Amino acid sequence: MARKARKQSKTGYYHLMVRGNNREKVFLRAIEKQYFLKLVQHQVDNGKILIVAYCLMDNHAHFLIHSDLLEMSEAFKWINIKFAGMYNNKYKRVGHVFQDRYRSEVINIEGHIIRVMRYIHNNPIKARIVAKPSDYQWSSYKSYVDKKDNLVSSNEKQMIMDLFSGSMEQFVEFHSEEETHEFLETEEDIELEREEKALIIIDKYCQQHEIIANELRNNKDVLEKVVNELIETNYLSHRRIAGLLGITRGMVHNVAKKKV
């Protein structure tokens, strides 16, 4: 089957993600993270890509990039091949190291650039690795706050900071705000994030009506409100909503039909 052509960004900005094949933790050790960033730096120095933000996790990595689509594709093809060669040789293995080439999404609305940046920087917080982005070593957040990272383009950094009127206080505060939009992410992390948001909604109704979650099914009016909000604001399946509420999928489906 032919590969689907990648979309061209009108702004030249892309959110890109690479992940280990079969969810393998290919960036588990510092030496793997360092080598991958060294390869990225090589492509930056060659003028192929400009880095706005990045974050390396254990089994995947995010990048916010300003580049021509073809040059970005060539850059990360080279990066992935070089990294896979090192990784397979080091661990005496064969086969794919990364799942597919990479995944990407275009950023055609300039206002989304800082939101994608925040999403990338907050990945370790979502994963409960650290409490705040400044505590994580393997992201570009420190490049903005501590000026210790040369991988991020100085011009792109200035563009980002201009959006905050040069205020580091505004930059830091922005990262503490909740993001409701779903950006490019691993399937398991998206599902986990959806469930966490659903539990917050359920807890809100429980506190308002002074009941526990197991009692929701006995209060038809409240249960319908909870189910409706979960359906409207969350992308969880009816089956998963039913599981979180301790009710049948048919009950969720019946509530959903009333909204149609």
Protein backbone atom coordinates (compact mmCIF):
# COMPACT_ATOMS: atom_id res chain seq x y z
CA MET A 1 0.00 0.00 0.00
CA ALA A 2 1.36 3.43 -0.96
CA ARG A 3 2.21 5.80 1.85
CA LYS A 4 -0.15 8.70 2.36
CA ALA A 5 1.43 11.98 1.25
CA ARG A 6 2.29 14.35 4.08
CA LYS A 7 0.44 17.64 4.27
CA GLN A 8 2.30 20.85 3.51
CA SER A 9 2.15 23.48 6.25
CA LYS A 10 1.18 26.96 5.12
CA THR A 11 3.28 28.47 7.91
CA GLY A 12 6.26 26.10 7.61
CA TYR A 13 5.72 24.81 11.16
CA TYR A 14 5.26 21.14 11.99
CA HIS A 15 4.70 19.09 15.13
CA LEU A 16 6.65 15.87 14.66
CA MET A 17 6.82 12.72 16.76
CA VAL A 18 9.02 9.63 16.57
CA ARG A 19 8.37 6.59 18.72
CA GLY A 20 10.01 3.27 19.44
CA ASN A 21 8.75 0.26 17.53
CA ASN A 22 6.26 -1.79 19.57
CA ARG A 23 6.45 0.92 22.26
CA GLU A 24 10.07 -0.02 22.96
CA LYS A 25 11.96 2.41 25.20
CA VAL A 26 14.66 3.42 22.75
CA PHE A 27 15.60 6.56 24.72
CA LEU A 28 15.70 4.88 28.12
CA ARG A 29 19.31 5.85 28.94
CA ALA A 30 20.93 9.26 28.84
CA ILE A 31 23.45 8.13 26.22
CA GLU A 32 20.64 7.32 23.74
CA LYS A 33 18.99 10.69 24.31
CA GLN A 34 22.30 12.48 23.93
CA TYR A 35 23.13 10.67 20.69
CA PHE A 36 19.69 11.36 19.18
CA LEU A 37 19.97 15.07 19.99
CA LYS A 38 23.48 15.10 18.52
CA LEU A 39 22.03 13.79 15.26
CA VAL A 40 19.31 16.43 15.34
CA GLN A 41 21.96 19.09 15.96
CA HIS A 42 23.82 17.88 12.87
CA GLN A 43 20.76 18.50 10.71
CA VAL A 44 20.23 21.90 12.34
CA ASP A 45 23.83 22.82 11.55
CA ASN A 46 23.28 21.69 7.95
CA GLY A 47 20.39 24.11 7.64
CA LYS A 48 17.76 21.42 7.08
CA ILE A 49 15.56 22.25 10.08
CA LEU A 50 15.02 24.88 12.76
CA ILE A 51 14.00 23.66 16.21
CA VAL A 52 11.41 25.64 18.15
CA ALA A 53 10.78 23.10 20.91
CA TYR A 54 11.46 19.45 21.71
CA CYS A 55 11.07 16.82 24.40
CA LEU A 56 12.58 13.33 24.57
CA MET A 57 10.69 10.73 26.59
CA ASP A 58 11.77 7.10 27.08
CA ASN A 59 9.83 5.63 24.15
CA HIS A 60 9.06 8.66 21.97
CA ALA A 61 10.14 12.21 21.19
CA HIS A 62 8.32 15.40 20.17
CA PHE A 63 9.64 18.26 18.05
CA LEU A 64 8.19 21.59 16.98
CA ILE A 65 10.00 22.39 13.74
CA HIS A 66 10.19 25.21 11.20
CA SER A 67 11.29 23.75 7.89
CA ASP A 68 10.55 22.91 4.29
CA LEU A 69 8.58 19.65 4.25
CA LEU A 70 11.00 17.82 1.93
CA GLU A 71 14.08 18.93 3.87
CA MET A 72 12.45 17.96 7.18
CA SER A 73 11.60 14.51 5.79
CA GLU A 74 15.16 14.03 4.54
CA ALA A 75 16.59 15.23 7.85
CA PHE A 76 14.60 12.83 10.00
CA LYS A 77 15.08 9.95 7.59
CA TRP A 78 18.85 10.43 8.07
CA ILE A 79 18.46 10.85 11.84
CA ASN A 80 16.36 7.71 12.22
CA ILE A 81 18.68 5.60 10.05
CA LYS A 82 21.78 6.75 11.95
CA PHE A 83 20.16 6.20 15.34
CA ALA A 84 18.80 2.78 14.36
CA GLY A 85 22.24 1.69 13.18
CA MET A 86 23.83 2.68 16.48
CA TYR A 87 21.02 1.19 18.55
CA ASN A 88 20.94 -2.16 16.73
CA ASN A 89 24.71 -2.47 16.85
CA LYS A 90 24.91 -1.59 20.53
CA TYR A 91 22.19 -4.00 21.64
CA LYS A 92 22.96 -6.75 19.09
CA ARG A 93 19.50 -6.62 17.57
CA VAL A 94 18.00 -6.39 14.09
CA GLY A 95 14.84 -4.87 12.67
CA HIS A 96 13.04 -1.58 12.99
CA VAL A 97 13.89 0.69 15.91
CA PHE A 98 11.19 3.28 15.21
CA GLN A 99 7.55 2.75 14.39
CA ASP A 100 7.14 4.02 10.81
CA ARG A 101 9.21 7.01 9.62
CA TYR A 102 7.69 9.59 11.93
CA ARG A 103 4.27 11.09 12.54
CA SER A 104 3.59 14.75 11.92
CA GLU A 105 0.85 17.35 11.93
CA VAL A 106 0.88 20.74 10.28
CA ILE A 107 0.49 23.97 12.24
CA ASN A 108 -1.36 26.33 9.92
CA ILE A 109 -2.66 28.71 12.57
CA GLU A 110 0.13 30.77 14.09
CA GLY A 111 -1.67 30.97 17.44
CA HIS A 112 -1.28 27.21 17.78
CA ILE A 113 2.52 27.39 17.80
CA ILE A 114 2.83 28.29 21.47
CA ARG A 115 0.13 25.79 22.42
CA VAL A 116 2.04 22.98 20.70
CA MET A 117 5.20 24.19 22.42
CA ARG A 118 3.44 24.02 25.79
CA TYR A 119 2.08 20.57 25.00
CA ILE A 120 5.58 19.33 24.16
CA HIS A 121 7.20 20.86 27.24
CA ASN A 122 4.48 19.47 29.51
CA ASN A 123 4.84 15.86 28.34
CA PRO A 124 6.92 14.86 31.40
CA ILE A 125 4.31 16.43 33.71
CA LYS A 126 1.53 14.43 32.05
CA ALA A 127 3.62 11.29 32.51
CA ARG A 128 4.14 12.22 36.21
CA ILE A 129 7.91 12.16 35.81
CA VAL A 130 8.34 15.69 37.19
CA ALA A 131 6.09 18.29 38.80
CA LYS A 132 7.05 21.18 36.53
CA PRO A 133 8.73 21.48 33.11
CA SER A 134 11.84 23.17 34.51
CA ASP A 135 12.64 19.94 36.41
CA TYR A 136 12.99 17.87 33.24
CA GLN A 137 16.43 17.60 31.66
CA TRP A 138 15.51 16.42 28.16
CA SER A 139 13.33 19.22 26.80
CA SER A 140 13.84 22.68 25.34
CA TYR A 141 12.09 24.39 28.24
CA LYS A 142 15.47 25.09 29.80
CA SER A 143 16.56 26.79 26.58
CA TYR A 144 13.95 29.46 27.17
CA VAL A 145 14.34 29.77 30.93
CA ASP A 146 18.02 29.08 31.60
CA LYS A 147 19.53 29.75 28.13
CA LYS A 148 21.53 26.52 28.41
CA ASP A 149 20.45 24.80 25.22
CA ASN A 150 21.85 25.74 21.81
CA LEU A 151 19.68 23.31 19.82
CA VAL A 152 16.73 25.72 19.68
CA SER A 153 17.02 28.40 16.98
CA SER A 154 17.74 31.82 18.48
CA ASN A 155 15.42 33.46 15.96
CA GLU A 156 12.59 31.02 16.70
CA LYS A 157 13.15 31.53 20.41
CA GLN A 158 12.90 35.27 19.97
CA MET A 159 9.68 34.80 17.95
CA ILE A 160 8.17 32.78 20.78
CA MET A 161 9.22 35.22 23.49
CA ASP A 162 7.86 38.15 21.46
CA LEU A 163 4.44 36.49 21.74
CA PHE A 164 4.82 36.88 25.51
CA SER A 165 6.06 40.48 25.15
CA GLY A 166 9.47 39.25 26.28
CA SER A 167 8.08 38.38 29.72
CA MET A 168 9.51 35.22 31.25
CA GLU A 169 6.82 35.42 33.93
CA GLN A 170 4.12 35.18 31.25
CA PHE A 171 5.99 32.32 29.56
CA VAL A 172 6.16 30.32 32.80
CA GLU A 173 2.55 31.09 33.70
CA PHE A 174 1.38 29.97 30.26
CA HIS A 175 2.89 26.53 30.83
CA SER A 176 0.83 26.11 34.00
CA GLU A 177 -2.47 26.59 32.16
CA GLU A 178 -4.48 23.52 31.21
CA GLU A 179 -4.54 22.49 27.55
CA THR A 180 -7.85 21.05 26.33
CA HIS A 181 -6.91 20.42 22.69
CA GLU A 182 -5.49 17.03 21.70
CA PHE A 183 -2.26 17.26 19.77
CA LEU A 184 -0.14 14.55 18.16
CA GLU A 185 0.57 11.89 20.78
CA THR A 186 0.96 8.15 21.32
CA GLU A 187 -2.33 6.29 21.38
CA GLU A 188 -1.87 5.05 24.93
CA ASP A 189 -1.06 8.53 26.26
CA ILE A 190 -4.11 10.01 24.52
CA GLU A 191 -6.35 7.35 26.07
CA LEU A 192 -4.85 7.92 29.52
CA GLU A 193 -5.30 11.69 29.23
CA ARG A 194 -8.93 11.27 28.19
CA GLU A 195 -9.63 9.02 31.16
CA GLU A 196 -8.00 11.44 33.58
CA LYS A 197 -10.15 14.31 32.26
CA ALA A 198 -13.24 12.10 32.51
CA LEU A 199 -12.48 11.29 36.16
CA ILE A 200 -12.20 15.02 36.93
CA ILE A 201 -15.66 15.58 35.41
CA ILE A 202 -17.13 12.67 37.37
CA ASP A 203 -15.58 13.94 40.61
CA LYS A 204 -16.99 17.43 39.96
CA TYR A 205 -20.54 16.11 39.87
CA CYS A 206 -19.97 13.89 42.90
CA GLN A 207 -18.82 16.88 44.94
CA GLN A 208 -21.68 19.07 43.73
CA HIS A 209 -24.30 16.50 44.74
CA GLU A 210 -22.41 15.09 47.75
CA ILE A 211 -22.41 11.53 46.52
CA ILE A 212 -19.78 8.97 45.66
CA ALA A 213 -19.17 7.68 42.13
CA ASN A 214 -20.88 4.34 42.82
CA GLU A 215 -24.09 6.18 43.69
CA LEU A 216 -24.33 8.03 40.37
CA ARG A 217 -26.20 5.18 38.73
CA ASN A 218 -28.97 5.56 41.32
CA ASN A 219 -29.51 9.25 40.46
CA LYS A 220 -30.87 9.31 36.92
CA ASP A 221 -30.83 13.09 36.42
CA VAL A 222 -27.25 13.54 37.63
CA LEU A 223 -26.08 10.46 35.73
CA GLU A 224 -27.49 11.86 32.48
CA LYS A 225 -25.71 15.17 33.04
CA VAL A 226 -22.41 13.38 33.67
CA VAL A 227 -22.77 11.14 30.62
CA ASN A 228 -23.75 14.08 28.40
CA GLU A 229 -20.73 16.12 29.46
CA LEU A 230 -18.39 13.15 28.96
CA ILE A 231 -19.79 12.58 25.47
CA GLU A 232 -19.62 16.28 24.52
CA THR A 233 -16.16 17.07 25.90
CA ASN A 234 -14.36 13.73 25.70
CA TYR A 235 -13.53 11.28 22.92
CA LEU A 236 -13.84 8.14 25.03
CA SER A 237 -15.93 5.31 23.67
CA HIS A 238 -19.35 4.54 25.15
CA ARG A 239 -17.85 1.31 26.47
CA ARG A 240 -15.09 3.16 28.38
CA ILE A 241 -17.51 5.77 29.76
CA ALA A 242 -19.70 2.93 31.00
CA GLY A 243 -16.70 1.30 32.65
CA LEU A 244 -15.69 4.49 34.47
CA LEU A 245 -19.24 5.02 35.75
CA GLY A 246 -19.95 1.38 36.58
CA ILE A 247 -22.98 1.23 34.28
CA THR A 248 -23.85 -0.67 31.11
CA ARG A 249 -22.90 0.52 27.64
CA GLY A 250 -26.60 0.44 26.79
CA MET A 251 -27.31 3.08 29.45
CA VAL A 252 -24.68 5.38 27.93
CA HIS A 253 -26.05 4.74 24.45
CA ASN A 254 -29.59 5.58 25.57
CA VAL A 255 -28.48 8.92 27.00
CA ALA A 256 -26.59 9.69 23.79
CA LYS A 257 -29.69 8.94 21.67
CA LYS A 258 -31.66 11.56 23.59
CA LYS A 259 -29.22 14.24 22.43
CA VAL A 260 -29.71 13.42 18.75
